[in-house]
Amino acid sequence: MFAALRCCVRPTLPSVVRPHQPNVSSLVSQLRSFHVSPPAFRTLNQSSRQKKSGRRVQKTRSPLLFGCPQRKGVCSQVFTATPKKPNSGKRKVARVKLSNGKSCMAYIAGEGHNLQEHSVVLVRGGRAQDLPGVQYKVVRGALDLGGVVNRARARSRYGLVSIIPAADPPLTCMAGSRNQRNRMRVCESQWNRYRSV
């Protein structure tokens, strides 16, 4: 009770300003600046062992196409090349000038071709495994390059219309568009040629 009375009677004193106390981290940094030895940075071994941060950019395997799936080009030279050491033979290769002005060597897949100088071809990415420097392939059955004749398997890769392996050839129906009827006729003729072989 007396404490409460004393508190009421005592005149209010101005608040005493506390002197500024320095921060601990600032003291440490000041001490460090006067230290004899230099600060400890990472060594080269520590830097190389640390995991690389950031996303790895995937390098393109067909840079001359500039992100396109295929490019049109003109054959400037058609020749044969010999493969690397364990393999032997004659691989058909074409030097193609692409529509973007770049020049590349493209492999002609399959048996036989009708390419010559100034033929217009479609070039896609993909290297020939036993030919150094050949990083592109010519698309069979597109533009001036024909498909592989008498190809029985993997026909779509070599530019041939796929046939339906059934006992009888597909019947030509008159319903549908003209393109569908033409496709059926081509399919029927391919089937007859395949059965006669």
C-alpha atoms as a PDB file:
ATOM      1  CA  MET A   1       0.000   0.000   0.000  1.00  0.00           C
ATOM      2  CA  PHE A   2       2.831   2.374   0.821  1.00  0.00           C
ATOM      3  CA  ALA A   3       4.523   1.469  -2.431  1.00  0.00           C
ATOM      4  CA  ALA A   4       1.442   2.566  -4.365  1.00  0.00           C
ATOM      5  CA  LEU A   5       1.311   5.858  -2.466  1.00  0.00           C
ATOM      6  CA  ARG A   6       5.020   6.441  -3.049  1.00  0.00           C
ATOM      7  CA  CYS A   7       4.533   5.861  -6.744  1.00  0.00           C
ATOM      8  CA  CYS A   8       1.739   8.434  -6.915  1.00  0.00           C
ATOM      9  CA  VAL A   9       3.617  11.047  -4.893  1.00  0.00           C
ATOM     10  CA  ARG A  10       6.987  10.678  -6.696  1.00  0.00           C
ATOM     11  CA  PRO A  11       7.333  13.252  -9.492  1.00  0.00           C
ATOM     12  CA  THR A  12       7.789  11.854 -12.970  1.00  0.00           C
ATOM     13  CA  LEU A  13      11.423  11.947 -13.987  1.00  0.00           C
ATOM     14  CA  PRO A  14      12.489  12.275 -17.619  1.00  0.00           C
ATOM     15  CA  SER A  15      13.380   8.945 -19.200  1.00  0.00           C
ATOM     16  CA  VAL A  16      17.060   8.303 -19.053  1.00  0.00           C
ATOM     17  CA  VAL A  17      18.586   7.776 -22.496  1.00  0.00           C
ATOM     18  CA  ARG A  18      20.552   4.578 -22.540  1.00  0.00           C
ATOM     19  CA  PRO A  19      23.941   4.779 -24.242  1.00  0.00           C
ATOM     20  CA  HIS A  20      24.190   2.865 -27.580  1.00  0.00           C
ATOM     21  CA  GLN A  21      25.618  -0.616 -27.128  1.00  0.00           C
ATOM     22  CA  PRO A  22      27.569  -1.957 -30.120  1.00  0.00           C
ATOM     23  CA  ASN A  23      26.308  -5.124 -31.819  1.00  0.00           C
ATOM     24  CA  VAL A  24      28.293  -8.331 -31.320  1.00  0.00           C
ATOM     25  CA  SER A  25      28.640  -8.971 -35.072  1.00  0.00           C
ATOM     26  CA  SER A  26      30.035  -5.482 -35.694  1.00  0.00           C
ATOM     27  CA  LEU A  27      32.608  -6.068 -32.927  1.00  0.00           C
ATOM     28  CA  VAL A  28      33.615  -9.361 -34.528  1.00  0.00           C
ATOM     29  CA  SER A  29      33.969  -7.769 -37.966  1.00  0.00           C
ATOM     30  CA  GLN A  30      36.101  -4.960 -36.490  1.00  0.00           C
ATOM     31  CA  LEU A  31      38.307  -7.505 -34.772  1.00  0.00           C
ATOM     32  CA  ARG A  32      38.532  -9.493 -38.001  1.00  0.00           C
ATOM     33  CA  SER A  33      39.677  -6.455 -39.966  1.00  0.00           C
ATOM     34  CA  PHE A  34      42.676  -6.147 -37.680  1.00  0.00           C
ATOM     35  CA  HIS A  35      43.493  -9.854 -37.866  1.00  0.00           C
ATOM     36  CA  VAL A  36      46.897 -10.869 -39.229  1.00  0.00           C
ATOM     37  CA  SER A  37      45.872 -13.866 -41.418  1.00  0.00           C
ATOM     38  CA  PRO A  38      43.614 -13.372 -44.494  1.00  0.00           C
ATOM     39  CA  PRO A  39      40.015 -14.684 -44.503  1.00  0.00           C
ATOM     40  CA  ALA A  40      39.625 -18.371 -45.419  1.00  0.00           C
ATOM     41  CA  PHE A  41      38.178 -18.746 -48.948  1.00  0.00           C
ATOM     42  CA  ARG A  42      37.270 -22.045 -50.609  1.00  0.00           C
ATOM     43  CA  THR A  43      40.076 -23.998 -52.221  1.00  0.00           C
ATOM     44  CA  LEU A  44      39.913 -25.230 -55.815  1.00  0.00           C
ATOM     45  CA  ASN A  45      39.318 -28.808 -54.680  1.00  0.00           C
ATOM     46  CA  GLN A  46      36.438 -27.749 -52.454  1.00  0.00           C
ATOM     47  CA  SER A  47      34.903 -25.765 -55.312  1.00  0.00           C
ATOM     48  CA  SER A  48      35.189 -28.659 -57.757  1.00  0.00           C
ATOM     49  CA  ARG A  49      33.692 -31.135 -55.268  1.00  0.00           C
ATOM     50  CA  GLN A  50      30.653 -28.959 -54.635  1.00  0.00           C
ATOM     51  CA  LYS A  51      27.544 -29.908 -56.596  1.00  0.00           C
ATOM     52  CA  LYS A  52      26.837 -27.644 -59.541  1.00  0.00           C
ATOM     53  CA  SER A  53      23.717 -25.555 -59.102  1.00  0.00           C
ATOM     54  CA  GLY A  54      21.300 -24.677 -61.881  1.00  0.00           C
ATOM     55  CA  ARG A  55      19.662 -26.631 -64.691  1.00  0.00           C
ATOM     56  CA  ARG A  56      21.932 -28.281 -67.221  1.00  0.00           C
ATOM     57  CA  VAL A  57      21.260 -27.083 -70.761  1.00  0.00           C
ATOM     58  CA  GLN A  58      20.886 -30.009 -73.146  1.00  0.00           C
ATOM     59  CA  LYS A  59      23.112 -29.691 -76.189  1.00  0.00           C
ATOM     60  CA  THR A  60      21.335 -30.299 -79.499  1.00  0.00           C
ATOM     61  CA  ARG A  61      22.569 -33.130 -81.696  1.00  0.00           C
ATOM     62  CA  SER A  62      21.485 -31.484 -84.943  1.00  0.00           C
ATOM     63  CA  PRO A  63      22.487 -27.814 -84.680  1.00  0.00           C
ATOM     64  CA  LEU A  64      22.203 -27.048 -88.415  1.00  0.00           C
ATOM     65  CA  LEU A  65      18.425 -27.605 -88.330  1.00  0.00           C
ATOM     66  CA  PHE A  66      18.025 -24.722 -85.828  1.00  0.00           C
ATOM     67  CA  GLY A  67      15.325 -26.455 -83.770  1.00  0.00           C
ATOM     68  CA  CYS A  68      13.261 -27.645 -86.763  1.00  0.00           C
ATOM     69  CA  PRO A  69      12.389 -31.354 -87.109  1.00  0.00           C
ATOM     70  CA  GLN A  70      13.344 -31.381 -90.808  1.00  0.00           C
ATOM     71  CA  ARG A  71      14.816 -29.011 -93.381  1.00  0.00           C
ATOM     72  CA  LYS A  72      14.580 -28.958 -97.150  1.00  0.00           C
ATOM     73  CA  GLY A  73      17.821 -28.928 -99.095  1.00  0.00           C
ATOM     74  CA  VAL A  74      19.446 -29.423-102.490  1.00  0.00           C
ATOM     75  CA  CYS A  75      22.022 -32.161-103.129  1.00  0.00           C
ATOM     76  CA  SER A  76      25.335 -30.696-104.208  1.00  0.00           C
ATOM     77  CA  GLN A  77      27.166 -34.044-104.338  1.00  0.00           C
ATOM     78  CA  VAL A  78      26.200 -37.727-104.049  1.00  0.00           C
ATOM     79  CA  PHE A  79      28.996 -40.188-103.278  1.00  0.00           C
ATOM     80  CA  THR A  80      29.916 -43.358-101.375  1.00  0.00           C
ATOM     81  CA  ALA A  81      31.983 -43.450 -98.187  1.00  0.00           C
ATOM     82  CA  THR A  82      33.719 -46.259 -96.310  1.00  0.00           C
ATOM     83  CA  PRO A  83      32.724 -46.873 -92.664  1.00  0.00           C
ATOM     84  CA  LYS A  84      34.889 -46.944 -89.542  1.00  0.00           C
ATOM     85  CA  LYS A  85      37.283 -49.730 -88.562  1.00  0.00           C
ATOM     86  CA  PRO A  86      35.350 -52.878 -87.634  1.00  0.00           C
ATOM     87  CA  ASN A  87      32.783 -52.389 -90.433  1.00  0.00           C
ATOM     88  CA  SER A  88      33.291 -52.489 -94.169  1.00  0.00           C
ATOM     89  CA  GLY A  89      31.211 -51.598 -97.205  1.00  0.00           C
ATOM     90  CA  LYS A  90      30.133 -48.587 -99.207  1.00  0.00           C
ATOM     91  CA  ARG A  91      27.720 -46.195 -97.556  1.00  0.00           C
ATOM     92  CA  LYS A  92      25.699 -43.813 -99.723  1.00  0.00           C
ATOM     93  CA  VAL A  93      26.116 -40.209 -98.579  1.00  0.00           C
ATOM     94  CA  ALA A  94      24.938 -36.866 -99.980  1.00  0.00           C
ATOM     95  CA  ARG A  95      26.287 -33.404 -99.351  1.00  0.00           C
ATOM     96  CA  VAL A  96      23.195 -31.215 -98.970  1.00  0.00           C
ATOM     97  CA  LYS A  97      22.872 -27.429 -98.936  1.00  0.00           C
ATOM     98  CA  LEU A  98      19.965 -26.652 -96.616  1.00  0.00           C
ATOM     99  CA  SER A  99      17.353 -23.935 -97.061  1.00  0.00           C
ATOM    100  CA  ASN A 100      18.983 -21.891 -94.280  1.00  0.00           C
ATOM    101  CA  GLY A 101      22.247 -21.700 -96.249  1.00  0.00           C
ATOM    102  CA  LYS A 102      24.157 -24.268 -94.167  1.00  0.00           C
ATOM    103  CA  SER A 103      25.746 -27.349 -95.721  1.00  0.00           C
ATOM    104  CA  CYS A 104      25.780 -30.841 -94.192  1.00  0.00           C
ATOM    105  CA  MET A 105      26.491 -34.477 -94.987  1.00  0.00           C
ATOM    106  CA  ALA A 106      23.403 -36.711 -94.894  1.00  0.00           C
ATOM    107  CA  TYR A 107      23.213 -40.487 -94.970  1.00  0.00           C
ATOM    108  CA  ILE A 108      20.903 -42.176 -97.505  1.00  0.00           C
ATOM    109  CA  ALA A 109      19.364 -45.190 -95.748  1.00  0.00           C
ATOM    110  CA  GLY A 110      18.079 -48.319 -97.488  1.00  0.00           C
ATOM    111  CA  GLU A 111      19.061 -50.265-100.602  1.00  0.00           C
ATOM    112  CA  GLY A 112      19.253 -48.202-103.782  1.00  0.00           C
ATOM    113  CA  HIS A 113      18.289 -44.585-104.391  1.00  0.00           C
ATOM    114  CA  ASN A 114      17.502 -42.197-107.234  1.00  0.00           C
ATOM    115  CA  LEU A 115      19.385 -39.148-105.971  1.00  0.00           C
ATOM    116  CA  GLN A 116      21.687 -37.098-108.143  1.00  0.00           C
ATOM    117  CA  GLU A 117      23.072 -33.588-108.127  1.00  0.00           C
ATOM    118  CA  HIS A 118      20.417 -30.826-107.735  1.00  0.00           C
ATOM    119  CA  SER A 119      17.834 -33.259-106.297  1.00  0.00           C
ATOM    120  CA  VAL A 120      15.597 -31.678-103.644  1.00  0.00           C
ATOM    121  CA  VAL A 121      15.515 -33.719-100.422  1.00  0.00           C
ATOM    122  CA  LEU A 122      14.219 -33.518 -96.860  1.00  0.00           C
ATOM    123  CA  VAL A 123      16.889 -33.799 -94.147  1.00  0.00           C
ATOM    124  CA  ARG A 124      16.271 -34.879 -90.540  1.00  0.00           C
ATOM    125  CA  GLY A 125      18.553 -35.320 -87.548  1.00  0.00           C
ATOM    126  CA  GLY A 126      20.244 -38.609 -86.694  1.00  0.00           C
ATOM    127  CA  ARG A 127      23.791 -39.766 -87.218  1.00  0.00           C
ATOM    128  CA  ALA A 128      25.161 -42.708 -89.150  1.00  0.00           C
ATOM    129  CA  GLN A 129      26.890 -44.769 -86.462  1.00  0.00           C
ATOM    130  CA  ASP A 130      29.875 -45.905 -88.535  1.00  0.00           C
ATOM    131  CA  LEU A 131      30.446 -42.742 -90.603  1.00  0.00           C
ATOM    132  CA  PRO A 132      32.369 -39.951 -88.853  1.00  0.00           C
ATOM    133  CA  GLY A 133      31.040 -36.477 -89.613  1.00  0.00           C
ATOM    134  CA  VAL A 134      27.664 -37.657 -90.943  1.00  0.00           C
ATOM    135  CA  GLN A 135      25.148 -36.310 -88.408  1.00  0.00           C
ATOM    136  CA  TYR A 136      21.992 -36.170 -90.556  1.00  0.00           C
ATOM    137  CA  LYS A 137      19.790 -38.509 -92.581  1.00  0.00           C
ATOM    138  CA  VAL A 138      17.734 -38.055 -95.735  1.00  0.00           C
ATOM    139  CA  VAL A 139      14.005 -38.844 -95.398  1.00  0.00           C
ATOM    140  CA  ARG A 140      12.994 -41.631 -97.798  1.00  0.00           C
ATOM    141  CA  GLY A 141       9.826 -41.162 -99.839  1.00  0.00           C
ATOM    142  CA  ALA A 142       9.804 -37.358 -99.466  1.00  0.00           C
ATOM    143  CA  LEU A 143      10.280 -34.831-102.305  1.00  0.00           C
ATOM    144  CA  ASP A 144      12.679 -36.180-104.997  1.00  0.00           C
ATOM    145  CA  LEU A 145      13.907 -39.237-103.081  1.00  0.00           C
ATOM    146  CA  GLY A 146      11.804 -42.362-103.617  1.00  0.00           C
ATOM    147  CA  GLY A 147      11.121 -45.164-101.176  1.00  0.00           C
ATOM    148  CA  VAL A 148      12.977 -48.470-100.948  1.00  0.00           C
ATOM    149  CA  VAL A 149      11.613 -51.009-103.447  1.00  0.00           C
ATOM    150  CA  ASN A 150      10.504 -54.459-102.170  1.00  0.00           C
ATOM    151  CA  ARG A 151      10.897 -53.492 -98.532  1.00  0.00           C
ATOM    152  CA  ALA A 152       8.863 -55.877 -96.346  1.00  0.00           C
ATOM    153  CA  ARG A 153       9.554 -54.627 -92.803  1.00  0.00           C
ATOM    154  CA  ALA A 154       9.831 -51.151 -91.283  1.00  0.00           C
ATOM    155  CA  ARG A 155       8.165 -49.882 -94.446  1.00  0.00           C
ATOM    156  CA  SER A 156       7.085 -46.490 -93.123  1.00  0.00           C
ATOM    157  CA  ARG A 157      10.695 -45.605 -92.283  1.00  0.00           C
ATOM    158  CA  TYR A 158      11.694 -46.208 -95.878  1.00  0.00           C
ATOM    159  CA  GLY A 159       8.923 -44.277 -97.602  1.00  0.00           C
ATOM    160  CA  LEU A 160       6.417 -47.000 -98.512  1.00  0.00           C
ATOM    161  CA  VAL A 161       2.677 -47.119 -97.935  1.00  0.00           C
ATOM    162  CA  SER A 162       1.863 -49.607 -95.197  1.00  0.00           C
ATOM    163  CA  ILE A 163      -0.078 -52.696 -96.245  1.00  0.00           C
ATOM    164  CA  ILE A 164      -2.596 -54.641 -94.170  1.00  0.00           C
ATOM    165  CA  PRO A 165      -1.365 -58.230 -93.641  1.00  0.00           C
ATOM    166  CA  ALA A 166      -4.660 -60.064 -94.198  1.00  0.00           C
ATOM    167  CA  ALA A 167      -5.762 -63.039 -96.321  1.00  0.00           C
ATOM    168  CA  ASP A 168      -7.582 -60.860 -98.862  1.00  0.00           C
ATOM    169  CA  PRO A 169      -6.751 -57.377-100.155  1.00  0.00           C
ATOM    170  CA  PRO A 170      -8.845 -54.559 -98.690  1.00  0.00           C
ATOM    171  CA  LEU A 171     -12.016 -53.800-100.637  1.00  0.00           C
ATOM    172  CA  THR A 172     -12.228 -50.430-102.319  1.00  0.00           C
ATOM    173  CA  CYS A 173     -15.259 -48.666-100.936  1.00  0.00           C
ATOM    174  CA  MET A 174     -16.753 -45.748-102.816  1.00  0.00           C
ATOM    175  CA  ALA A 175     -17.779 -44.006 -99.589  1.00  0.00           C
ATOM    176  CA  GLY A 176     -15.501 -41.315 -98.219  1.00  0.00           C
ATOM    177  CA  SER A 177     -13.411 -38.600 -99.828  1.00  0.00           C
ATOM    178  CA  ARG A 178     -11.404 -38.901-103.042  1.00  0.00           C
ATOM    179  CA  ASN A 179      -8.130 -38.982-101.058  1.00  0.00           C
ATOM    180  CA  GLN A 180      -9.350 -41.952 -99.017  1.00  0.00           C
ATOM    181  CA  ARG A 181     -10.358 -43.851-102.186  1.00  0.00           C
ATOM    182  CA  ASN A 182      -6.979 -43.127-103.802  1.00  0.00           C
ATOM    183  CA  ARG A 183      -5.212 -44.303-100.665  1.00  0.00           C
ATOM    184  CA  MET A 184      -7.213 -47.534-100.737  1.00  0.00           C
ATOM    185  CA  ARG A 185      -6.321 -48.108-104.409  1.00  0.00           C
ATOM    186  CA  VAL A 186      -2.614 -47.545-103.690  1.00  0.00           C
ATOM    187  CA  CYS A 187      -2.825 -49.882-100.721  1.00  0.00           C
ATOM    188  CA  GLU A 188      -4.548 -52.531-102.879  1.00  0.00           C
ATOM    189  CA  SER A 189      -1.933 -52.295-105.634  1.00  0.00           C
ATOM    190  CA  GLN A 190       0.887 -52.523-103.074  1.00  0.00           C
ATOM    191  CA  TRP A 191      -0.796 -55.588-101.569  1.00  0.00           C
ATOM    192  CA  ASN A 192      -1.081 -57.309-104.965  1.00  0.00           C
ATOM    193  CA  ARG A 193       2.580 -56.614-105.720  1.00  0.00           C
ATOM    194  CA  TYR A 194       3.563 -57.921-102.263  1.00  0.00           C
ATOM    195  CA  ARG A 195       1.592 -61.164-102.730  1.00  0.00           C
ATOM    196  CA  SER A 196       3.087 -61.789-106.171  1.00  0.00           C
ATOM    197  CA  VAL A 197       6.656 -61.706-104.782  1.00  0.00           C
END
